[in-house]
């Protein structure tokens, strides 16, 4: 493909302008939702899921979605001008758009990798590793964005970030850079996320087993799915609910990215893309941030209370673990030792649970946990009382 520099300006037709307006509106919806969520997270003091490192990765994903939405809403200037003008503003939009796209792919992949590493490989991680990943991730993104105009841009091919389609992106003169410095990361994230989160879910559910050092698949009829819960304790059940929700973030990323990826491949092949296809795929892609906000708000009914959330980085390593746990490949995690204040909250929660009618279908983890702990304590004390010799009390004259 010939390296033709991007034009200094491009005038919108009526259809082009209407399409860009729809894209800007979808970007504004995501941007407003993301900013509102950041405000809620700032003032929300409860349920800070610091045990999992997931919160830090999720915030990075939200920041990436914000960059994407910001880059889209910058096209408001082109709507006002009825066209695009090459220059510093156009270059800024191109850099923000590339950074947001790669950033979203990176943090979506890291969330899937975190789940895979934690719940499939059962590998212990530390907080400093998490912060090192975050520092590397953002440094990597900014390096890729500045690499183009600083090290790759040449005079014969023109500006690295310039007019491309209906907005400003990496120009068509840098064809290979479009593929390997942007689209490649999005495609890789979609494919890698799919395999990792499917494997993680099968592992946690009990379908994928490790028996005598060998991996085996186990499927049961739909009516006998209860057999998969054998070997899982209360903590494992909480983890299953957690992973079943968290894997929807990579799924949402794939659902919003694949249509746009197909449209970009069509353009790279030199085939014309109808305006309706550009509008539809762009709107779906721009609503990715809004979809992540919806998933986060829906997580409130899936996440257990912070006081009962299992500690991911420590696992049970005791001879008392049932053999069936090892057989089914489900390694239970440990709970943190409760403090005096937490014990009081457990007692008060148990009192409230006794006063309300018990409905198994609607019972939450917060309702069941105090009862489980109290029941274990009562059974332990009963066994000790039964095994201790009874000594008759003596009386004094």
Protein backbone atom coordinates (compact mmCIF):
# COMPACT_ATOMS: atom_id res chain seq x y z
CA UNK A 1 0.00 0.00 0.00
CA UNK A 2 1.34 3.41 -0.95
CA UNK A 3 2.25 5.76 1.85
CA UNK A 4 -0.03 8.71 1.10
CA UNK A 5 -0.02 11.44 3.77
CA UNK A 6 -3.37 12.39 5.28
CA UNK A 7 -5.04 15.51 3.83
CA UNK A 8 -4.83 18.81 5.74
CA UNK A 9 -8.64 18.93 6.03
CA UNK A 10 -11.75 16.90 5.29
CA UNK A 11 -15.29 18.21 4.82
CA UNK A 12 -18.25 16.24 6.22
CA UNK A 13 -21.24 15.36 4.12
CA UNK A 14 -24.65 15.46 5.79
CA UNK A 15 -24.49 11.70 6.42
CA UNK A 16 -20.97 11.96 7.82
CA UNK A 17 -21.98 14.70 10.24
CA UNK A 18 -25.06 12.80 11.42
CA UNK A 19 -22.94 9.68 11.97
CA UNK A 20 -20.36 11.61 14.01
CA UNK A 21 -23.15 13.14 16.13
CA UNK A 22 -24.42 9.64 17.00
CA UNK A 23 -20.89 8.57 17.91
CA UNK A 24 -20.40 11.61 20.11
CA UNK A 25 -23.71 11.01 21.92
CA UNK A 26 -22.72 7.40 22.68
CA UNK A 27 -19.35 8.62 23.94
CA UNK A 28 -21.02 11.20 26.17
CA UNK A 29 -23.27 8.51 27.66
CA UNK A 30 -20.24 6.42 28.64
CA UNK A 31 -18.31 9.46 29.86
CA UNK A 32 -21.18 10.65 32.07
CA UNK A 33 -21.69 7.16 33.51
CA UNK A 34 -17.97 6.74 34.23
CA UNK A 35 -17.62 10.12 35.94
CA UNK A 36 -20.70 9.40 38.05
CA UNK A 37 -19.28 6.03 39.06
CA UNK A 38 -15.95 7.60 40.05
CA UNK A 39 -17.89 10.00 42.26
CA UNK A 40 -19.81 7.14 43.87
CA UNK A 41 -16.63 5.12 44.45
CA UNK A 42 -14.91 8.13 46.01
CA UNK A 43 -17.59 8.67 48.64
CA UNK A 44 -18.59 5.03 49.10
CA UNK A 45 -16.89 3.78 52.26
CA UNK A 46 -18.29 0.24 52.32
CA UNK A 47 -17.24 -2.79 50.29
CA UNK A 48 -13.72 -1.90 49.32
CA UNK A 49 -12.51 -5.19 47.88
CA UNK A 50 -8.85 -4.77 48.66
CA UNK A 51 -8.20 -8.49 49.22
CA UNK A 52 -8.32 -9.39 45.53
CA UNK A 53 -6.27 -6.65 43.76
CA UNK A 54 -9.28 -6.60 41.45
CA UNK A 55 -10.36 -3.14 42.54
CA UNK A 56 -7.10 -1.55 41.37
CA UNK A 57 -7.26 -3.30 38.00
CA UNK A 58 -10.90 -2.36 37.60
CA UNK A 59 -10.18 1.32 38.29
CA UNK A 60 -7.50 1.18 35.58
CA UNK A 61 -10.06 -0.30 33.19
CA UNK A 62 -12.49 2.50 34.00
CA UNK A 63 -9.76 5.09 33.35
CA UNK A 64 -9.09 3.45 30.00
CA UNK A 65 -12.80 3.60 29.15
CA UNK A 66 -12.74 7.28 30.14
CA UNK A 67 -9.89 7.92 27.69
CA UNK A 68 -11.89 6.21 24.95
CA UNK A 69 -15.02 8.23 25.66
CA UNK A 70 -13.00 11.45 25.91
CA UNK A 71 -11.40 10.83 22.52
CA UNK A 72 -14.82 10.26 20.98
CA UNK A 73 -16.41 13.38 22.47
CA UNK A 74 -13.56 15.50 21.09
CA UNK A 75 -15.27 15.08 17.70
CA UNK A 76 -17.76 17.72 18.86
CA UNK A 77 -15.32 20.23 17.40
CA UNK A 78 -15.52 18.52 14.00
CA UNK A 79 -19.32 18.58 14.18
CA UNK A 80 -19.20 22.32 14.80
CA UNK A 81 -16.76 22.89 11.93
CA UNK A 82 -18.62 20.49 9.57
CA UNK A 83 -15.27 18.80 8.92
CA UNK A 84 -11.85 17.84 10.26
CA UNK A 85 -8.77 20.05 10.29
CA UNK A 86 -5.33 18.53 10.78
CA UNK A 87 -3.29 20.05 13.60
CA UNK A 88 -2.46 19.77 17.28
CA UNK A 89 -6.06 19.11 18.35
CA UNK A 90 -6.39 16.35 15.76
CA UNK A 91 -3.09 14.81 16.91
CA UNK A 92 -4.26 14.93 20.53
CA UNK A 93 -7.48 13.15 19.64
CA UNK A 94 -5.55 10.47 17.78
CA UNK A 95 -3.18 9.89 20.70
CA UNK A 96 -6.00 9.73 23.25
CA UNK A 97 -7.98 7.36 21.03
CA UNK A 98 -5.02 5.00 20.54
CA UNK A 99 -4.14 5.10 24.24
CA UNK A 100 -7.71 4.40 25.31
CA UNK A 101 -8.11 1.50 22.87
CA UNK A 102 -4.85 -0.21 23.83
CA UNK A 103 -5.43 0.56 27.51
CA UNK A 104 -8.87 -1.06 27.51
CA UNK A 105 -7.45 -4.16 25.85
CA UNK A 106 -4.56 -4.33 28.33
CA UNK A 107 -6.61 -4.01 31.51
CA UNK A 108 -9.31 -6.34 30.25
CA UNK A 109 -6.56 -8.91 29.65
CA UNK A 110 -5.01 -8.28 33.08
CA UNK A 111 -8.36 -8.85 34.82
CA UNK A 112 -8.73 -12.17 32.99
CA UNK A 113 -5.12 -13.07 33.78
CA UNK A 114 -5.65 -12.19 37.44
CA UNK A 115 -8.62 -14.53 37.66
CA UNK A 116 -6.77 -17.27 35.80
CA UNK A 117 -3.67 -16.92 37.94
CA UNK A 118 -5.68 -16.87 41.14
CA UNK A 119 -8.42 -19.43 40.62
CA UNK A 120 -6.99 -21.74 37.97
CA UNK A 121 -3.25 -21.87 38.68
CA UNK A 122 -3.85 -21.17 42.43
CA UNK A 123 -0.71 -19.08 42.44
CA UNK A 124 0.02 -16.79 45.34
CA UNK A 125 0.46 -13.11 44.48
CA UNK A 126 1.48 -10.13 46.58
CA UNK A 127 0.44 -6.49 46.65
CA UNK A 128 3.76 -5.19 45.36
CA UNK A 129 3.38 -7.39 42.28
CA UNK A 130 -0.01 -5.78 41.67
CA UNK A 131 1.43 -2.27 41.90
CA UNK A 132 4.32 -3.27 39.63
CA UNK A 133 1.82 -4.51 37.03
CA UNK A 134 -0.10 -1.23 37.22
CA UNK A 135 3.06 0.85 36.86
CA UNK A 136 4.26 -1.23 33.92
CA UNK A 137 0.84 -1.13 32.25
CA UNK A 138 0.53 2.65 32.23
CA UNK A 139 4.18 3.14 31.28
CA UNK A 140 3.74 0.73 28.39
CA UNK A 141 0.66 2.59 27.12
CA UNK A 142 2.25 6.05 27.21
CA UNK A 143 5.38 4.66 25.53
CA UNK A 144 3.36 3.27 22.62
CA UNK A 145 1.40 6.51 22.20
CA UNK A 146 4.50 8.74 22.13
CA UNK A 147 6.53 6.25 20.10
CA UNK A 148 4.64 7.07 16.90
CA UNK A 149 5.06 10.85 16.58
CA UNK A 150 8.53 10.83 18.21
CA UNK A 151 10.29 7.83 16.64
CA UNK A 152 8.17 6.50 13.75
CA UNK A 153 6.77 9.61 12.06
CA UNK A 154 8.59 10.66 8.88
CA UNK A 155 8.25 13.67 6.60
CA UNK A 156 7.37 11.70 3.42
CA UNK A 157 4.49 9.90 5.15
CA UNK A 158 3.20 12.97 6.96
CA UNK A 159 1.71 13.17 10.44
CA UNK A 160 1.45 9.95 12.44
CA UNK A 161 -1.81 11.09 14.07
CA UNK A 162 -4.06 12.76 11.54
CA UNK A 163 -7.31 12.51 9.61
CA UNK A 164 -8.48 8.92 9.27
CA UNK A 165 -12.09 8.29 8.38
CA UNK A 166 -14.53 10.43 10.35
CA UNK A 167 -12.11 11.39 13.12
CA UNK A 168 -8.39 11.54 13.92
CA UNK A 169 -6.42 8.34 14.47
CA UNK A 170 -3.23 6.76 13.18
CA UNK A 171 -3.30 7.67 9.50
CA UNK A 172 -3.48 5.17 6.66
CA UNK A 173 0.10 6.11 5.66
CA UNK A 174 1.20 4.12 8.71
CA UNK A 175 -0.64 0.95 7.76
CA UNK A 176 1.53 -1.54 9.68
CA UNK A 177 1.49 0.64 12.78
CA UNK A 178 -2.31 0.64 12.69
CA UNK A 179 -2.29 -3.15 12.79
CA UNK A 180 0.55 -3.93 15.18
CA UNK A 181 0.37 -0.93 17.53
CA UNK A 182 -3.40 -0.88 18.05
CA UNK A 183 -5.57 -3.56 16.44
CA UNK A 184 -3.24 -6.42 17.40
CA UNK A 185 -3.63 -5.73 21.12
CA UNK A 186 -7.42 -5.67 20.84
CA UNK A 187 -7.56 -8.96 18.93
CA UNK A 188 -5.07 -10.60 21.29
CA UNK A 189 -7.04 -9.50 24.35
CA UNK A 190 -10.32 -10.89 22.98
CA UNK A 191 -8.82 -14.30 22.12
CA UNK A 192 -6.75 -14.65 25.30
CA UNK A 193 -9.62 -13.52 27.53
CA UNK A 194 -11.94 -16.10 26.01
CA UNK A 195 -9.68 -19.07 26.74
CA UNK A 196 -8.63 -17.88 30.19
CA UNK A 197 -12.07 -17.07 31.58
CA UNK A 198 -13.63 -20.26 30.18
CA UNK A 199 -10.85 -22.35 31.74
CA UNK A 200 -11.20 -20.48 35.04
CA UNK A 201 -14.94 -20.99 35.21
CA UNK A 202 -14.66 -24.72 34.44
CA UNK A 203 -11.95 -25.08 37.10
CA UNK A 204 -13.91 -23.32 39.83
CA UNK A 205 -17.19 -25.10 39.00
CA UNK A 206 -15.49 -28.50 39.21
CA UNK A 207 -15.75 -29.51 35.55
CA UNK A 208 -11.99 -29.33 35.02
CA UNK A 209 -10.17 -31.60 37.47
CA UNK A 210 -6.54 -32.28 38.30
CA UNK A 211 -6.27 -35.90 39.45
CA UNK A 212 -2.90 -37.49 40.11
CA UNK A 213 -1.13 -34.73 38.20
CA UNK A 214 -3.30 -35.01 35.08
CA UNK A 215 -6.07 -32.69 33.87
CA UNK A 216 -9.46 -34.25 33.17
CA UNK A 217 -12.83 -32.89 32.08
CA UNK A 218 -15.98 -33.92 33.92
CA UNK A 219 -19.49 -33.18 32.72
CA UNK A 220 -22.69 -34.09 34.50
CA UNK A 221 -26.32 -33.93 33.34
CA UNK A 222 -28.13 -30.66 33.97
CA UNK A 223 -30.26 -32.17 36.71
CA UNK A 224 -27.18 -33.56 38.49
CA UNK A 225 -25.20 -30.31 38.57
CA UNK A 226 -25.32 -30.47 42.38
CA UNK A 227 -22.50 -33.02 42.16
CA UNK A 228 -20.12 -30.26 41.11
CA UNK A 229 -20.54 -28.64 44.54
CA UNK A 230 -19.06 -31.69 46.30
CA UNK A 231 -15.79 -30.74 47.89
CA UNK A 232 -16.54 -27.02 47.99
CA UNK A 233 -16.94 -25.38 51.36
CA UNK A 234 -18.70 -22.09 52.11
CA UNK A 235 -15.69 -20.07 51.07
CA UNK A 236 -15.41 -21.82 47.71
CA UNK A 237 -19.06 -21.09 47.01
CA UNK A 238 -18.37 -17.39 47.59
CA UNK A 239 -15.47 -17.58 45.16
CA UNK A 240 -17.65 -19.26 42.54
CA UNK A 241 -20.19 -16.45 42.73
CA UNK A 242 -17.37 -13.93 42.50
CA UNK A 243 -15.75 -15.41 39.42
CA UNK A 244 -19.10 -15.90 37.70
CA UNK A 245 -19.60 -12.16 37.86
CA UNK A 246 -16.07 -10.96 37.21
CA UNK A 247 -15.70 -12.89 33.96
CA UNK A 248 -18.45 -10.75 32.43
CA UNK A 249 -16.01 -7.83 32.12
CA UNK A 250 -13.88 -9.62 29.47
CA UNK A 251 -17.08 -10.85 27.83
CA UNK A 252 -18.40 -7.29 27.63
CA UNK A 253 -15.10 -6.14 26.16
CA UNK A 254 -15.30 -8.80 23.44
CA UNK A 255 -18.92 -7.98 22.64
CA UNK A 256 -18.13 -4.29 22.12
CA UNK A 257 -14.78 -4.75 20.37
CA UNK A 258 -15.41 -7.52 17.84
CA UNK A 259 -17.90 -5.55 15.66
CA UNK A 260 -15.52 -2.58 15.54
CA UNK A 261 -12.60 -4.89 14.76
CA UNK A 262 -14.45 -6.37 11.81
CA UNK A 263 -15.24 -2.88 10.50
CA UNK A 264 -11.60 -1.83 10.82
CA UNK A 265 -10.40 -4.94 8.97
CA UNK A 266 -12.82 -4.17 6.13
CA UNK A 267 -11.41 -0.64 5.87
CA UNK A 268 -7.81 -1.90 5.96
CA UNK A 269 -8.59 -4.24 3.07
CA UNK A 270 -9.59 -1.22 0.99
CA UNK A 271 -13.31 -2.03 0.82
CA UNK A 272 -15.83 0.79 1.43
CA UNK A 273 -17.77 0.64 4.70
CA UNK A 274 -21.37 1.90 4.68
CA UNK A 275 -22.15 4.81 6.98
CA UNK A 276 -24.76 2.78 8.87
CA UNK A 277 -22.14 0.12 9.63
CA UNK A 278 -19.68 2.77 10.84
CA UNK A 279 -22.37 4.28 13.06
CA UNK A 280 -23.57 0.95 14.49
CA UNK A 281 -20.13 -0.52 15.25
CA UNK A 282 -18.90 2.81 16.63
CA UNK A 283 -21.87 3.20 18.96
CA UNK A 284 -21.45 -0.35 20.29
CA UNK A 285 -17.74 0.25 20.85
CA UNK A 286 -18.27 3.61 22.56
CA UNK A 287 -20.83 2.14 24.98
CA UNK A 288 -18.20 -0.19 26.44
CA UNK A 289 -17.58 2.14 29.38
CA UNK A 290 -21.29 2.44 30.11
CA UNK A 291 -21.60 -1.37 30.05
CA UNK A 292 -18.76 -1.74 32.57
CA UNK A 293 -20.53 0.72 34.88
CA UNK A 294 -23.73 -1.33 34.66
CA UNK A 295 -21.80 -4.51 35.46
CA UNK A 296 -20.16 -2.87 38.47
CA UNK A 297 -23.48 -1.66 39.87
CA UNK A 298 -24.93 -5.12 39.40
CA UNK A 299 -22.01 -6.59 41.33
CA UNK A 300 -23.46 -5.42 44.64
CA UNK A 301 -25.75 -8.46 44.78
CA UNK A 302 -22.95 -10.88 43.86
CA UNK A 303 -20.11 -9.77 46.13
CA UNK A 304 -20.08 -11.07 49.72
CA UNK A 305 -19.51 -8.67 52.57
CA UNK A 306 -15.90 -7.51 53.00
CA UNK A 307 -15.70 -9.05 56.47
CA UNK A 308 -16.46 -12.52 55.08
CA UNK A 309 -14.60 -12.19 51.79
CA UNK A 310 -11.93 -14.92 51.53
CA UNK A 311 -8.29 -13.92 51.47
CA UNK A 312 -7.14 -14.78 47.96
CA UNK A 313 -3.43 -14.81 48.63
CA UNK A 314 -3.51 -17.48 51.34
CA UNK A 315 -4.82 -21.00 50.95
CA UNK A 316 -5.64 -23.85 53.25
CA UNK A 317 -2.78 -26.30 53.62
CA UNK A 318 -3.96 -28.71 56.23
CA UNK A 319 -4.14 -32.53 56.45
CA UNK A 320 -7.77 -32.09 57.49
CA UNK A 321 -8.76 -31.07 53.96
CA UNK A 322 -11.09 -33.73 52.61
CA UNK A 323 -9.70 -36.00 49.90
CA UNK A 324 -12.69 -35.19 47.75
CA UNK A 325 -11.47 -31.59 47.57
CA UNK A 326 -8.20 -32.67 46.02
CA UNK A 327 -10.04 -35.07 43.73
CA UNK A 328 -12.28 -32.37 42.31
CA UNK A 329 -9.46 -29.86 42.10
CA UNK A 330 -11.11 -27.17 44.21
CA UNK A 331 -8.68 -25.61 46.70
CA UNK A 332 -10.54 -23.74 49.45
CA UNK A 333 -9.22 -20.34 50.51
CA UNK A 334 -8.89 -19.14 54.08
CA UNK A 335 -10.92 -16.51 55.85
CA UNK A 336 -9.22 -13.81 57.87
CA UNK A 337 -9.42 -14.15 61.60
CA UNK A 338 -12.30 -12.09 62.93
CA UNK A 339 -11.56 -9.24 65.32
CA UNK A 340 -13.58 -8.37 68.42
CA UNK A 341 -15.65 -5.79 66.54
CA UNK A 342 -16.35 -8.27 63.76
CA UNK A 343 -17.50 -10.87 66.28
CA UNK A 344 -20.01 -8.35 67.66
CA UNK A 345 -21.28 -7.65 64.16
CA UNK A 346 -21.64 -11.39 63.55
CA UNK A 347 -23.70 -11.77 66.74
CA UNK A 348 -25.94 -8.86 65.82
CA UNK A 349 -26.35 -10.20 62.29
CA UNK A 350 -27.30 -13.61 63.67
CA UNK A 351 -29.91 -12.01 65.93
CA UNK A 352 -31.45 -10.20 62.99
CA UNK A 353 -31.42 -13.39 60.94
CA UNK A 354 -33.32 -15.28 63.68
CA UNK A 355 -35.99 -12.59 63.83
CA UNK A 356 -36.66 -12.80 60.07
CA UNK A 357 -38.24 -15.79 58.28
CA UNK A 358 -35.61 -17.84 56.48
CA UNK A 359 -35.98 -18.25 52.74
CA UNK A 360 -33.28 -20.45 51.21
CA UNK A 361 -33.79 -19.13 47.69
CA UNK A 362 -33.24 -15.51 48.69
CA UNK A 363 -30.76 -16.01 51.54
CA UNK A 364 -27.54 -14.10 50.93
CA UNK A 365 -24.01 -14.86 51.97
CA UNK A 366 -24.22 -12.17 54.64
CA UNK A 367 -27.19 -14.02 56.22
CA UNK A 368 -25.69 -17.49 56.08
CA UNK A 369 -22.17 -16.70 57.30
CA UNK A 370 -22.97 -15.89 60.97
CA UNK A 371 -25.14 -18.99 61.23
CA UNK A 372 -22.40 -21.19 59.77
CA UNK A 373 -19.78 -19.83 62.17
CA UNK A 374 -22.09 -20.14 65.19
CA UNK A 375 -23.11 -23.67 64.23
CA UNK A 376 -19.48 -24.76 63.99
CA UNK A 377 -18.70 -23.23 67.37
CA UNK A 378 -21.69 -24.95 69.03
CA UNK A 379 -20.79 -28.34 67.59
CA UNK A 380 -17.19 -27.94 68.73
CA UNK A 381 -18.25 -27.04 72.27
CA UNK A 382 -20.73 -29.96 72.34
CA UNK A 383 -18.01 -32.45 71.41
CA UNK A 384 -15.70 -31.08 74.09
CA UNK A 385 -18.42 -31.29 76.72
CA UNK A 386 -19.25 -34.87 75.76
CA UNK A 387 -15.63 -36.03 75.88
CA UNK A 388 -14.79 -34.33 79.23
CA UNK A 389 -15.42 -36.42 82.42
CA UNK A 390 -18.31 -35.16 84.51
CA UNK A 391 -17.25 -34.35 88.09
CA UNK A 392 -19.97 -34.01 90.64
CA UNK A 393 -19.85 -30.71 92.51
CA UNK A 394 -18.79 -30.91 96.18
CA UNK A 395 -20.69 -29.27 98.93
CA UNK A 396 -19.34 -27.82 102.11
CA UNK A 397 -21.03 -27.89 105.43
